[in-house]
N, C-alpha and C. Protein backbone atom coordinates (compact mmCIF):
# COMPACT_ATOMS: atom_id res chain seq x y z
N MET A 1 0.85 -1.04 0.05
CA MET A 1 -0.04 0.15 0.11
C MET A 1 0.67 1.30 -0.02
N ARG A 2 1.87 1.13 0.61
CA ARG A 2 2.78 2.46 0.53
C ARG A 2 3.29 3.05 -0.83
N GLY A 3 3.65 1.79 -1.64
CA GLY A 3 4.15 2.06 -2.84
C GLY A 3 3.03 3.22 -3.54
N LEU A 4 2.00 2.87 -3.59
CA LEU A 4 1.12 3.93 -4.28
C LEU A 4 0.85 5.24 -3.49
N HIS A 5 1.29 5.10 -1.99
CA HIS A 5 0.72 6.27 -1.24
C HIS A 5 2.20 6.44 -0.29
N PRO A 6 3.22 6.90 -0.58
CA PRO A 6 4.48 6.80 0.11
C PRO A 6 4.11 7.54 1.58
N HIS A 7 3.46 8.56 1.80
CA HIS A 7 3.34 9.26 2.99
C HIS A 7 2.36 8.40 3.86
N TYR A 8 1.59 7.43 3.75
CA TYR A 8 0.55 6.67 4.12
C TYR A 8 1.34 5.78 5.39
N HIS A 9 0.79 5.82 6.36
CA HIS A 9 1.09 4.78 7.73
C HIS A 9 1.46 3.55 7.16
N ALA A 10 0.45 2.73 6.52
CA ALA A 10 0.44 1.65 5.78
C ALA A 10 1.11 0.50 6.71
N ALA A 11 0.71 -0.01 8.11
CA ALA A 11 1.23 -0.45 8.96
C ALA A 11 0.06 -0.92 9.89
N PRO A 12 0.31 -2.22 10.51
CA PRO A 12 -0.56 -2.30 11.67
C PRO A 12 -1.08 -0.76 12.60
N VAL A 13 -2.03 -0.66 12.86
CA VAL A 13 -2.61 0.78 13.64
C VAL A 13 -2.66 0.17 15.04
N PRO A 14 -1.98 0.88 15.96
CA PRO A 14 -2.07 0.59 17.40
C PRO A 14 -3.32 1.35 17.84
N PRO A 15 -3.56 0.85 19.12
CA PRO A 15 -4.66 1.34 19.70
C PRO A 15 -3.92 2.83 19.95
N PHE A 16 -5.25 3.79 20.41
CA PHE A 16 -4.92 5.26 20.82
C PHE A 16 -5.74 5.49 21.85
N GLY A 17 -5.16 6.18 23.23
CA GLY A 17 -6.02 6.79 24.09
C GLY A 17 -4.96 6.42 25.29
N ASP A 18 -5.89 6.43 26.40
CA ASP A 18 -5.52 6.52 27.71
C ASP A 18 -5.06 4.79 28.07
N PRO A 19 -3.95 4.70 28.43
CA PRO A 19 -3.41 3.37 29.07
C PRO A 19 -4.27 2.92 29.95
N GLN A 20 -4.77 3.71 31.08
CA GLN A 20 -5.52 3.25 32.18
C GLN A 20 -6.94 3.43 31.82
N ALA A 21 -7.54 3.14 30.40
CA ALA A 21 -8.96 3.52 30.31
C ALA A 21 -9.85 2.66 30.64
N ARG A 22 -11.00 3.04 31.13
CA ARG A 22 -12.20 2.19 31.60
C ARG A 22 -12.96 1.96 30.65
N LEU A 23 -12.94 2.59 29.37
CA LEU A 23 -13.93 2.39 28.28
C LEU A 23 -12.83 1.94 26.97
N LEU A 24 -13.04 1.12 26.51
CA LEU A 24 -12.46 0.48 25.39
C LEU A 24 -13.46 0.45 24.11
N VAL A 25 -13.09 1.23 23.20
CA VAL A 25 -14.01 1.27 21.79
C VAL A 25 -13.48 0.50 20.86
N VAL A 26 -14.00 -0.52 20.51
CA VAL A 26 -13.56 -1.66 19.37
C VAL A 26 -14.24 -1.44 18.00
N GLY A 27 -13.45 -0.95 16.95
CA GLY A 27 -13.96 -0.56 15.52
C GLY A 27 -13.83 -2.00 14.85
N LEU A 28 -13.65 -1.83 13.58
CA LEU A 28 -13.92 -2.86 12.64
C LEU A 28 -12.20 -3.27 12.09
N ALA A 29 -11.84 -2.06 11.47
CA ALA A 29 -10.49 -2.13 10.64
C ALA A 29 -9.99 -1.01 10.25
N PRO A 30 -8.80 -0.61 10.19
CA PRO A 30 -8.38 0.73 9.63
C PRO A 30 -8.91 0.98 8.05
N GLY A 31 -9.41 1.96 8.06
CA GLY A 31 -9.82 2.63 6.45
C GLY A 31 -8.60 2.54 5.59
N MET A 32 -8.81 2.09 4.35
CA MET A 32 -7.78 2.51 3.61
C MET A 32 -7.30 3.88 3.42
N HIS A 33 -7.77 4.98 3.47
CA HIS A 33 -7.35 6.39 3.53
C HIS A 33 -7.87 6.77 4.96
N GLY A 34 -8.14 6.55 5.79
CA GLY A 34 -8.27 6.73 7.11
C GLY A 34 -6.97 6.38 7.95
N ALA A 35 -7.30 5.50 8.88
CA ALA A 35 -6.46 5.08 9.82
C ALA A 35 -5.01 4.18 9.27
N ASN A 36 -5.26 3.77 8.03
CA ASN A 36 -4.15 3.16 7.34
C ASN A 36 -3.32 4.13 6.55
N ALA A 37 -3.57 5.41 6.41
CA ALA A 37 -2.89 6.53 6.18
C ALA A 37 -2.31 7.54 7.45
N SER A 38 -3.42 7.55 8.26
CA SER A 38 -2.65 8.43 9.44
C SER A 38 -2.32 7.73 10.30
N GLY A 39 -2.24 6.51 10.59
CA GLY A 39 -1.71 5.69 11.76
C GLY A 39 -2.19 5.86 13.14
N ARG A 40 -3.68 6.36 12.98
CA ARG A 40 -4.37 6.38 14.50
C ARG A 40 -5.83 5.84 13.95
N PRO A 41 -6.20 5.21 14.83
CA PRO A 41 -7.72 4.63 14.68
C PRO A 41 -8.73 5.62 14.49
N PHE A 42 -9.60 5.74 13.32
CA PHE A 42 -10.80 6.30 13.14
C PHE A 42 -10.46 7.79 12.60
N THR A 43 -8.99 8.14 12.39
CA THR A 43 -8.55 9.27 11.98
C THR A 43 -8.31 9.54 10.37
N GLY A 44 -8.89 10.37 9.85
CA GLY A 44 -9.25 10.58 8.41
C GLY A 44 -9.93 10.13 7.62
N ASP A 45 -11.00 9.48 8.20
CA ASP A 45 -12.13 9.05 7.39
C ASP A 45 -13.19 9.50 8.03
N HIS A 46 -14.62 9.36 7.27
CA HIS A 46 -15.96 9.80 7.98
C HIS A 46 -16.25 9.11 9.30
N ALA A 47 -16.10 7.88 9.42
CA ALA A 47 -16.44 7.17 10.66
C ALA A 47 -15.84 7.95 11.86
N GLY A 48 -14.89 8.51 11.92
CA GLY A 48 -14.09 9.19 13.08
C GLY A 48 -14.71 10.73 13.33
N ILE A 49 -15.45 11.15 12.62
CA ILE A 49 -16.27 12.50 12.68
C ILE A 49 -17.13 12.32 13.69
N LEU A 50 -17.94 11.39 13.50
CA LEU A 50 -19.27 11.22 14.79
C LEU A 50 -18.37 10.64 15.93
N LEU A 51 -17.47 9.61 16.00
CA LEU A 51 -17.08 9.14 16.86
C LEU A 51 -16.20 10.11 17.69
N TYR A 52 -15.38 11.08 17.34
CA TYR A 52 -14.54 11.90 18.26
C TYR A 52 -15.54 13.17 18.70
N GLU A 53 -16.56 13.31 17.89
CA GLU A 53 -17.40 14.61 18.24
C GLU A 53 -18.07 13.86 19.46
N THR A 54 -18.64 12.92 19.62
CA THR A 54 -19.34 12.29 20.73
C THR A 54 -18.39 11.74 22.02
N LEU A 55 -17.25 11.46 21.57
CA LEU A 55 -16.40 11.13 22.72
C LEU A 55 -16.11 12.43 23.54
N HIS A 56 -15.91 13.39 22.82
CA HIS A 56 -15.73 14.76 23.19
C HIS A 56 -17.09 15.21 24.18
N ARG A 57 -18.04 15.23 23.59
CA ARG A 57 -19.17 15.65 24.10
C ARG A 57 -19.63 14.95 25.55
N TYR A 58 -19.25 13.65 25.70
CA TYR A 58 -19.32 12.86 26.83
C TYR A 58 -17.94 12.98 27.78
N GLY A 59 -16.97 13.89 27.62
CA GLY A 59 -15.74 14.04 28.55
C GLY A 59 -14.70 12.92 28.12
N PHE A 60 -14.66 12.54 27.09
CA PHE A 60 -13.59 11.39 27.05
C PHE A 60 -12.39 12.00 25.88
N GLY A 61 -12.74 12.90 25.28
CA GLY A 61 -11.98 13.53 24.43
C GLY A 61 -11.47 15.00 24.81
N SER A 62 -10.56 15.64 24.66
CA SER A 62 -10.00 16.94 24.69
C SER A 62 -10.50 17.85 23.75
N ALA A 63 -10.96 17.38 22.47
CA ALA A 63 -11.40 18.09 21.45
C ALA A 63 -12.36 17.19 20.37
N PRO A 64 -13.24 17.91 19.73
CA PRO A 64 -14.30 17.14 19.11
C PRO A 64 -13.94 16.42 17.85
N PHE A 65 -12.65 16.40 17.24
CA PHE A 65 -12.18 15.77 16.07
C PHE A 65 -10.64 15.47 16.29
N SER A 66 -10.45 14.38 15.42
CA SER A 66 -8.98 13.89 15.27
C SER A 66 -8.53 14.33 14.16
N ARG A 67 -7.28 15.09 13.75
CA ARG A 67 -6.61 15.67 12.58
C ARG A 67 -5.57 14.76 12.09
N SER A 68 -4.82 14.15 12.97
CA SER A 68 -3.59 13.47 12.66
C SER A 68 -3.27 12.93 13.94
N ARG A 69 -2.44 11.86 13.89
CA ARG A 69 -1.80 11.27 15.12
C ARG A 69 -0.78 12.27 15.71
N ASP A 70 -0.47 13.17 15.22
CA ASP A 70 0.64 14.35 15.80
C ASP A 70 0.00 15.34 16.48
N ASP A 71 -1.56 15.56 16.64
CA ASP A 71 -2.34 16.63 17.07
C ASP A 71 -2.17 16.49 18.39
N ASP A 72 -2.75 17.65 18.97
CA ASP A 72 -2.89 17.74 20.55
C ASP A 72 -4.13 16.75 21.30
N LEU A 73 -4.80 16.09 20.35
CA LEU A 73 -5.84 15.35 21.07
C LEU A 73 -5.48 14.52 22.16
N VAL A 74 -6.16 14.35 23.01
CA VAL A 74 -6.00 13.46 24.31
C VAL A 74 -7.27 13.04 24.71
N LEU A 75 -7.51 11.62 24.92
CA LEU A 75 -8.12 10.81 25.52
C LEU A 75 -8.52 10.54 26.70
N THR A 76 -9.13 10.60 27.60
CA THR A 76 -9.41 10.67 28.89
C THR A 76 -10.12 9.51 29.55
N GLY A 77 -9.71 8.36 29.92
CA GLY A 77 -10.50 7.19 30.63
C GLY A 77 -10.99 6.61 29.22
N CYS A 78 -10.53 6.69 28.06
CA CYS A 78 -10.99 5.97 26.98
C CYS A 78 -9.77 5.67 25.86
N ARG A 79 -10.01 4.29 25.36
CA ARG A 79 -8.91 4.08 24.40
C ARG A 79 -9.63 3.43 23.09
N ILE A 80 -9.14 3.66 21.95
CA ILE A 80 -9.88 3.03 20.54
C ILE A 80 -8.83 1.92 20.08
N THR A 81 -9.42 0.97 19.65
CA THR A 81 -8.72 -0.08 18.89
C THR A 81 -9.64 -0.56 17.97
N ASN A 82 -9.06 -1.79 17.05
CA ASN A 82 -9.73 -2.12 15.92
C ASN A 82 -9.58 -3.57 16.20
N ALA A 83 -10.71 -4.48 15.53
CA ALA A 83 -10.58 -6.00 15.62
C ALA A 83 -9.33 -6.27 14.76
N VAL A 84 -9.36 -5.82 13.67
CA VAL A 84 -8.40 -5.88 12.63
C VAL A 84 -7.25 -4.95 12.85
N LYS A 85 -6.20 -5.17 12.70
CA LYS A 85 -5.13 -3.98 12.76
C LYS A 85 -4.68 -3.51 11.54
N CYS A 86 -4.83 -4.07 10.38
CA CYS A 86 -4.26 -3.71 8.86
C CYS A 86 -5.39 -3.49 8.04
N VAL A 87 -5.48 -2.48 7.35
CA VAL A 87 -6.43 -2.24 6.21
C VAL A 87 -6.31 -3.57 5.38
N PRO A 88 -7.70 -4.21 5.35
CA PRO A 88 -7.91 -5.43 4.73
C PRO A 88 -8.17 -5.15 3.33
N PRO A 89 -8.09 -6.37 2.34
CA PRO A 89 -8.36 -6.07 1.08
C PRO A 89 -10.11 -5.75 0.83
N GLU A 90 -10.21 -4.77 -0.05
CA GLU A 90 -11.43 -4.25 -0.43
C GLU A 90 -12.20 -3.56 0.92
N ASN A 91 -11.23 -3.22 1.94
CA ASN A 91 -11.90 -2.70 3.05
C ASN A 91 -12.79 -3.48 4.00
N LYS A 92 -12.85 -4.86 3.46
CA LYS A 92 -13.88 -5.69 4.12
C LYS A 92 -13.35 -6.95 4.76
N PRO A 93 -12.95 -6.86 6.09
CA PRO A 93 -12.42 -7.91 6.82
C PRO A 93 -12.87 -9.09 6.77
N THR A 94 -11.93 -10.25 6.57
CA THR A 94 -12.55 -11.65 6.40
C THR A 94 -12.54 -12.31 7.95
N GLY A 95 -13.13 -13.24 8.16
CA GLY A 95 -13.24 -13.98 9.40
C GLY A 95 -11.85 -14.56 9.72
N GLY A 96 -10.81 -14.82 8.59
CA GLY A 96 -9.63 -15.16 8.90
C GLY A 96 -8.87 -14.03 9.33
N GLU A 97 -9.13 -12.85 9.05
CA GLU A 97 -8.25 -11.87 9.37
C GLU A 97 -8.53 -11.37 10.84
N THR A 98 -10.10 -11.53 11.01
CA THR A 98 -10.43 -11.25 12.68
C THR A 98 -9.71 -12.36 13.12
N ARG A 99 -9.71 -13.71 12.98
CA ARG A 99 -9.07 -14.65 14.09
C ARG A 99 -7.74 -14.47 14.08
N GLN A 100 -6.88 -13.93 12.89
CA GLN A 100 -5.34 -13.94 13.10
C GLN A 100 -4.98 -12.71 13.90
N CYS A 101 -5.60 -11.28 13.91
CA CYS A 101 -5.64 -10.30 14.91
C CYS A 101 -6.15 -10.47 16.25
N ASN A 102 -7.05 -11.86 16.53
CA ASN A 102 -7.55 -11.62 17.96
C ASN A 102 -6.77 -11.67 18.92
N VAL A 103 -5.34 -12.26 18.75
CA VAL A 103 -4.68 -12.42 19.86
C VAL A 103 -4.10 -11.02 20.49
N TYR A 104 -4.08 -9.91 19.22
CA TYR A 104 -3.91 -8.60 20.02
C TYR A 104 -5.08 -8.10 20.84
N LEU A 105 -6.31 -8.22 20.29
CA LEU A 105 -7.35 -7.75 21.11
C LEU A 105 -7.50 -8.49 22.43
N ARG A 106 -7.16 -9.71 22.36
CA ARG A 106 -7.22 -10.36 23.60
C ARG A 106 -6.21 -9.80 24.70
N ALA A 107 -5.03 -9.34 24.20
CA ALA A 107 -4.17 -8.82 25.24
C ALA A 107 -4.40 -7.62 25.58
N GLU A 108 -5.25 -6.62 24.83
CA GLU A 108 -5.73 -5.35 24.98
C GLU A 108 -7.01 -5.33 26.17
N LEU A 109 -7.48 -6.44 26.07
CA LEU A 109 -8.91 -6.87 27.11
C LEU A 109 -8.09 -7.10 28.13
N ALA A 110 -7.10 -8.27 28.36
CA ALA A 110 -6.45 -8.57 29.51
C ALA A 110 -6.15 -7.17 30.36
N ASP A 111 -5.50 -6.17 29.40
CA ASP A 111 -4.92 -5.12 30.30
C ASP A 111 -6.08 -4.24 31.05
N LEU A 112 -7.44 -4.32 30.56
CA LEU A 112 -8.50 -3.67 31.14
C LEU A 112 -8.83 -3.91 32.53
N GLY A 113 -9.20 -2.95 33.30
CA GLY A 113 -9.71 -3.28 34.62
C GLY A 113 -10.90 -3.97 34.81
N ALA A 114 -11.06 -4.67 35.96
CA ALA A 114 -12.53 -5.54 35.89
C ALA A 114 -13.78 -4.97 35.98
N ASP A 115 -13.84 -3.57 36.15
CA ASP A 115 -15.04 -2.83 36.11
C ASP A 115 -15.05 -1.71 34.65
N ALA A 116 -14.26 -2.41 33.84
CA ALA A 116 -14.15 -1.70 32.34
C ALA A 116 -15.49 -2.07 31.71
N LEU A 117 -15.73 -1.06 30.63
CA LEU A 117 -16.80 -1.31 29.49
C LEU A 117 -16.22 -1.30 28.24
N ILE A 118 -16.88 -2.17 27.43
CA ILE A 118 -16.42 -2.30 26.21
C ILE A 118 -17.38 -1.79 25.12
N LEU A 119 -17.07 -1.00 24.37
CA LEU A 119 -18.06 -0.48 23.30
C LEU A 119 -17.76 -0.95 21.93
N ALA A 120 -18.40 -2.12 21.65
CA ALA A 120 -18.36 -2.64 20.29
C ALA A 120 -19.05 -1.93 19.18
N LEU A 121 -18.38 -1.42 18.20
CA LEU A 121 -18.93 -0.83 17.18
C LEU A 121 -19.19 -1.81 15.91
N GLY A 122 -20.16 -2.15 15.74
CA GLY A 122 -20.61 -3.15 15.03
C GLY A 122 -20.55 -4.69 15.22
N ARG A 123 -21.20 -5.59 14.21
CA ARG A 123 -21.25 -6.84 14.75
C ARG A 123 -19.94 -7.65 14.53
N VAL A 124 -19.11 -7.12 13.68
CA VAL A 124 -17.69 -7.96 13.61
C VAL A 124 -16.90 -7.39 14.81
N ALA A 125 -17.11 -6.55 15.27
CA ALA A 125 -16.32 -5.81 16.61
C ALA A 125 -16.96 -6.87 17.49
N HIS A 126 -17.96 -6.66 17.77
CA HIS A 126 -18.82 -7.77 18.86
C HIS A 126 -17.91 -8.76 19.02
N GLY A 127 -18.11 -9.63 17.70
CA GLY A 127 -17.88 -10.86 17.95
C GLY A 127 -16.44 -11.14 17.94
N ALA A 128 -15.56 -10.29 17.61
CA ALA A 128 -14.12 -10.46 17.73
C ALA A 128 -14.01 -10.32 19.45
N VAL A 129 -14.53 -9.40 20.10
CA VAL A 129 -14.55 -9.39 21.74
C VAL A 129 -14.91 -10.52 22.21
N LEU A 130 -16.14 -11.15 21.93
CA LEU A 130 -16.47 -12.18 22.45
C LEU A 130 -15.60 -13.55 22.19
N MET A 131 -14.89 -13.62 20.99
CA MET A 131 -13.89 -14.34 20.68
C MET A 131 -12.58 -14.54 21.44
N ALA A 132 -12.35 -13.28 21.61
CA ALA A 132 -10.79 -12.82 22.60
C ALA A 132 -11.32 -13.21 24.05
N LEU A 133 -12.35 -13.27 24.61
CA LEU A 133 -12.66 -13.46 25.76
C LEU A 133 -13.42 -14.93 25.81
N ASP A 134 -13.26 -15.87 24.93
CA ASP A 134 -13.63 -17.21 24.88
C ASP A 134 -15.00 -17.41 25.42
N LEU A 135 -15.90 -16.42 24.71
CA LEU A 135 -17.55 -16.56 25.21
C LEU A 135 -18.15 -16.98 23.95
N LYS A 136 -19.24 -17.38 23.93
CA LYS A 136 -20.17 -18.24 23.20
C LYS A 136 -21.32 -16.70 22.47
N PRO A 137 -21.11 -16.69 21.20
CA PRO A 137 -21.90 -15.58 20.68
C PRO A 137 -23.31 -15.80 20.89
N ALA A 138 -23.86 -16.92 21.02
CA ALA A 138 -25.41 -17.47 21.27
C ALA A 138 -25.68 -16.58 22.49
N ALA A 139 -24.87 -16.54 23.47
CA ALA A 139 -25.40 -16.23 24.87
C ALA A 139 -25.20 -14.64 24.82
N PHE A 140 -24.71 -13.84 23.83
CA PHE A 140 -24.64 -12.43 23.95
C PHE A 140 -24.99 -11.67 22.56
N PRO A 141 -26.28 -11.94 22.19
CA PRO A 141 -26.49 -11.38 20.72
C PRO A 141 -26.43 -10.05 20.66
N PHE A 142 -25.78 -9.53 19.38
CA PHE A 142 -25.73 -8.44 19.00
C PHE A 142 -26.68 -7.50 18.91
N ALA A 143 -27.02 -6.15 19.04
CA ALA A 143 -28.16 -5.44 18.88
C ALA A 143 -27.79 -4.03 19.16
N HIS A 144 -28.22 -2.94 18.49
CA HIS A 144 -27.74 -1.70 18.77
C HIS A 144 -28.34 -1.45 20.05
N GLY A 145 -27.61 -0.80 21.01
CA GLY A 145 -27.82 -0.48 22.19
C GLY A 145 -27.93 -1.32 23.25
N ALA A 146 -27.58 -2.80 23.02
CA ALA A 146 -27.58 -3.74 23.86
C ALA A 146 -26.49 -3.72 24.70
N ALA A 147 -26.69 -4.18 26.04
CA ALA A 147 -25.54 -4.34 27.37
C ALA A 147 -25.60 -5.54 27.65
N HIS A 148 -24.33 -6.00 27.70
CA HIS A 148 -24.04 -7.34 28.38
C HIS A 148 -23.44 -7.33 29.57
N ALA A 149 -23.70 -8.07 30.62
CA ALA A 149 -22.81 -8.11 31.74
C ALA A 149 -21.94 -9.44 31.36
N LEU A 150 -20.50 -9.32 31.40
CA LEU A 150 -19.52 -10.33 30.90
C LEU A 150 -18.81 -11.00 32.64
N PRO A 151 -18.35 -12.00 32.58
CA PRO A 151 -17.64 -12.44 33.63
C PRO A 151 -16.75 -11.36 34.23
N GLY A 152 -16.83 -11.72 35.44
CA GLY A 152 -15.67 -10.61 36.25
C GLY A 152 -16.00 -9.22 36.45
N GLY A 153 -17.48 -8.74 35.99
CA GLY A 153 -17.58 -7.33 36.33
C GLY A 153 -17.77 -6.46 35.19
N ARG A 154 -17.19 -6.98 34.10
CA ARG A 154 -16.70 -6.07 32.98
C ARG A 154 -18.44 -5.86 32.09
N ARG A 155 -18.46 -4.98 31.20
CA ARG A 155 -19.54 -4.99 30.48
C ARG A 155 -19.32 -4.70 28.84
N LEU A 156 -20.31 -5.29 28.19
CA LEU A 156 -20.21 -5.05 26.71
C LEU A 156 -21.27 -4.50 26.31
N LEU A 157 -21.08 -3.10 25.47
CA LEU A 157 -22.11 -2.34 25.02
C LEU A 157 -22.10 -2.61 23.60
N ASP A 158 -23.12 -2.61 22.91
CA ASP A 158 -23.34 -2.50 21.43
C ASP A 158 -23.70 -1.44 20.64
N SER A 159 -23.21 -0.95 19.47
CA SER A 159 -23.62 0.18 18.71
C SER A 159 -23.62 -0.32 17.19
N TYR A 160 -24.45 0.02 16.38
CA TYR A 160 -23.91 0.09 14.78
C TYR A 160 -22.80 0.79 14.64
N HIS A 161 -22.08 0.24 13.65
CA HIS A 161 -20.76 0.91 13.49
C HIS A 161 -21.11 2.60 12.96
N CYS A 162 -20.14 3.54 13.29
CA CYS A 162 -20.34 4.97 12.78
C CYS A 162 -19.93 5.21 11.54
N SER A 163 -20.43 4.27 10.46
CA SER A 163 -19.49 4.24 9.33
C SER A 163 -20.36 5.22 8.40
N ARG A 164 -19.73 5.82 7.18
CA ARG A 164 -20.51 6.59 6.27
C ARG A 164 -21.78 5.70 5.84
N TYR A 165 -21.78 4.69 5.35
CA TYR A 165 -22.58 4.01 4.91
C TYR A 165 -23.97 4.02 6.00
N ASN A 166 -23.81 3.51 7.27
CA ASN A 166 -24.67 3.62 8.18
C ASN A 166 -25.25 5.04 8.64
N THR A 167 -24.39 6.09 8.75
CA THR A 167 -25.03 7.34 8.80
C THR A 167 -25.73 7.88 7.70
N GLN A 168 -25.30 7.71 6.56
CA GLN A 168 -25.85 8.21 5.41
C GLN A 168 -27.40 7.84 5.22
N THR A 169 -27.21 6.36 5.43
CA THR A 169 -28.45 5.75 5.24
C THR A 169 -29.59 5.77 6.27
N GLY A 170 -29.17 6.25 7.34
CA GLY A 170 -30.08 6.66 8.57
C GLY A 170 -30.19 5.44 9.65
N ARG A 171 -29.49 4.29 9.08
CA ARG A 171 -29.17 3.32 10.31
C ARG A 171 -28.83 3.41 11.35
N LEU A 172 -27.95 4.32 11.51
CA LEU A 172 -27.23 4.93 12.86
C LEU A 172 -27.59 6.47 12.74
N THR A 173 -28.22 7.20 13.51
CA THR A 173 -28.37 8.78 13.44
C THR A 173 -27.35 9.07 14.72
N ALA A 174 -26.96 10.30 14.42
CA ALA A 174 -26.12 11.03 15.46
C ALA A 174 -26.78 10.61 17.29
N GLU A 175 -28.17 11.01 17.23
CA GLU A 175 -28.72 10.88 18.28
C GLU A 175 -28.90 9.23 18.72
N MET A 176 -28.92 8.26 18.12
CA MET A 176 -28.68 7.06 18.37
C MET A 176 -27.25 6.69 18.97
N PHE A 177 -26.39 7.22 18.29
CA PHE A 177 -24.69 7.16 18.74
C PHE A 177 -24.65 7.57 19.97
N ARG A 178 -25.28 9.12 20.31
CA ARG A 178 -25.05 9.46 21.49
C ARG A 178 -25.76 9.06 22.55
N ALA A 179 -26.66 8.37 22.32
CA ALA A 179 -27.32 7.71 23.36
C ALA A 179 -26.64 6.52 23.99
N VAL A 180 -25.84 5.86 22.96
CA VAL A 180 -25.17 4.75 23.33
C VAL A 180 -23.59 5.09 24.10
N VAL A 181 -23.34 6.26 23.68
CA VAL A 181 -21.93 6.40 24.38
C VAL A 181 -22.55 7.30 25.58
N GLY A 182 -23.47 7.90 25.77
CA GLY A 182 -24.12 8.55 27.08
C GLY A 182 -24.30 7.57 27.94
N GLN A 183 -24.99 6.31 27.53
CA GLN A 183 -25.15 5.00 28.15
C GLN A 183 -23.84 4.54 29.13
N ALA A 184 -22.89 4.62 28.33
CA ALA A 184 -21.48 4.22 28.62
C ALA A 184 -21.02 5.34 29.90
N ARG A 185 -21.19 6.35 29.44
CA ARG A 185 -20.73 7.09 30.21
C ARG A 185 -21.55 7.17 31.78
N ASP A 186 -22.53 7.12 31.69
CA ASP A 186 -23.60 7.11 33.09
C ASP A 186 -23.17 5.63 33.50
N TRP A 187 -23.19 4.71 33.12
CA TRP A 187 -22.53 3.48 33.64
C TRP A 187 -21.19 3.57 34.53
N LEU A 188 -20.42 4.25 33.69
CA LEU A 188 -19.09 4.20 34.22
C LEU A 188 -18.96 5.17 35.43
N ASP A 189 -19.69 6.16 35.32
CA ASP A 189 -19.78 7.24 36.36
C ASP A 189 -20.51 6.73 37.76
N LEU A 190 -21.63 5.86 37.52
CA LEU A 190 -22.32 5.15 38.48
C LEU A 190 -21.32 3.90 39.10
N SER A 191 -20.63 3.46 38.27
CA SER A 191 -19.63 2.16 38.68
C SER A 191 -18.40 3.14 39.46
N ALA A 192 -17.92 4.07 39.23
CA ALA A 192 -17.03 4.92 39.94
C ALA A 192 -17.45 5.38 41.38
N ARG A 193 -18.73 5.66 41.42
CA ARG A 193 -19.17 6.41 42.55
C ARG A 193 -19.40 5.05 43.46
N SER A 194 -19.75 3.87 43.06
CA SER A 194 -20.07 2.78 43.94
C SER A 194 -18.72 2.59 44.42
N HIS A 195 -17.55 2.32 43.64
CA HIS A 195 -16.20 1.94 44.38
C HIS A 195 -15.70 3.02 45.28
N ASP A 196 -16.11 4.76 45.05
CA ASP A 196 -15.70 5.41 46.10
C ASP A 196 -16.43 5.41 47.45
N ARG A 197 -17.67 4.40 47.45
CA ARG A 197 -18.40 4.44 48.86
C ARG A 197 -17.34 3.45 49.72
N PHE A 198 -16.60 2.55 49.25
CA PHE A 198 -15.91 1.45 50.08
C PHE A 198 -14.40 1.86 50.21
């Protein structure tokens, strides 16, 4: 990919955000002209517009946009990653790619605290999280806005992916996405207050 675009990152895209995050946002894969170019998840493509604006709205980001991996944006209490780390052929990850990259997601999930919340953007990300945790998909069905209690105290929250297709067709509106991220914020705040009592 770097031959056609010599200034692109064109390598596995690492997670971005707070190493001590209690919210892990799991996307699908780097976009060809988005994260594959910028080297930061959801940066340089349409999906990042709604994601970063919403994270900022709920206090997870220092700015409502991500311009480049060298900007001053800071995520607080939040980290963003992808189920697949490299741009897939035709921008569509295969099951094999998801399985191959799952070892990295498994390690990222292992680093999360026991009271963390995982926000899966789309069915593929949802399935990758369950695979990394050795959980059966039938017990945790994907649906927009669905919340699942995971073993050990963590939670999994689902949203449709904030892709251009989903937002332009109305499958996912800004209000729908804000409601899910707001639900994440409320749960994390409630969990933090519960811990403070002890």
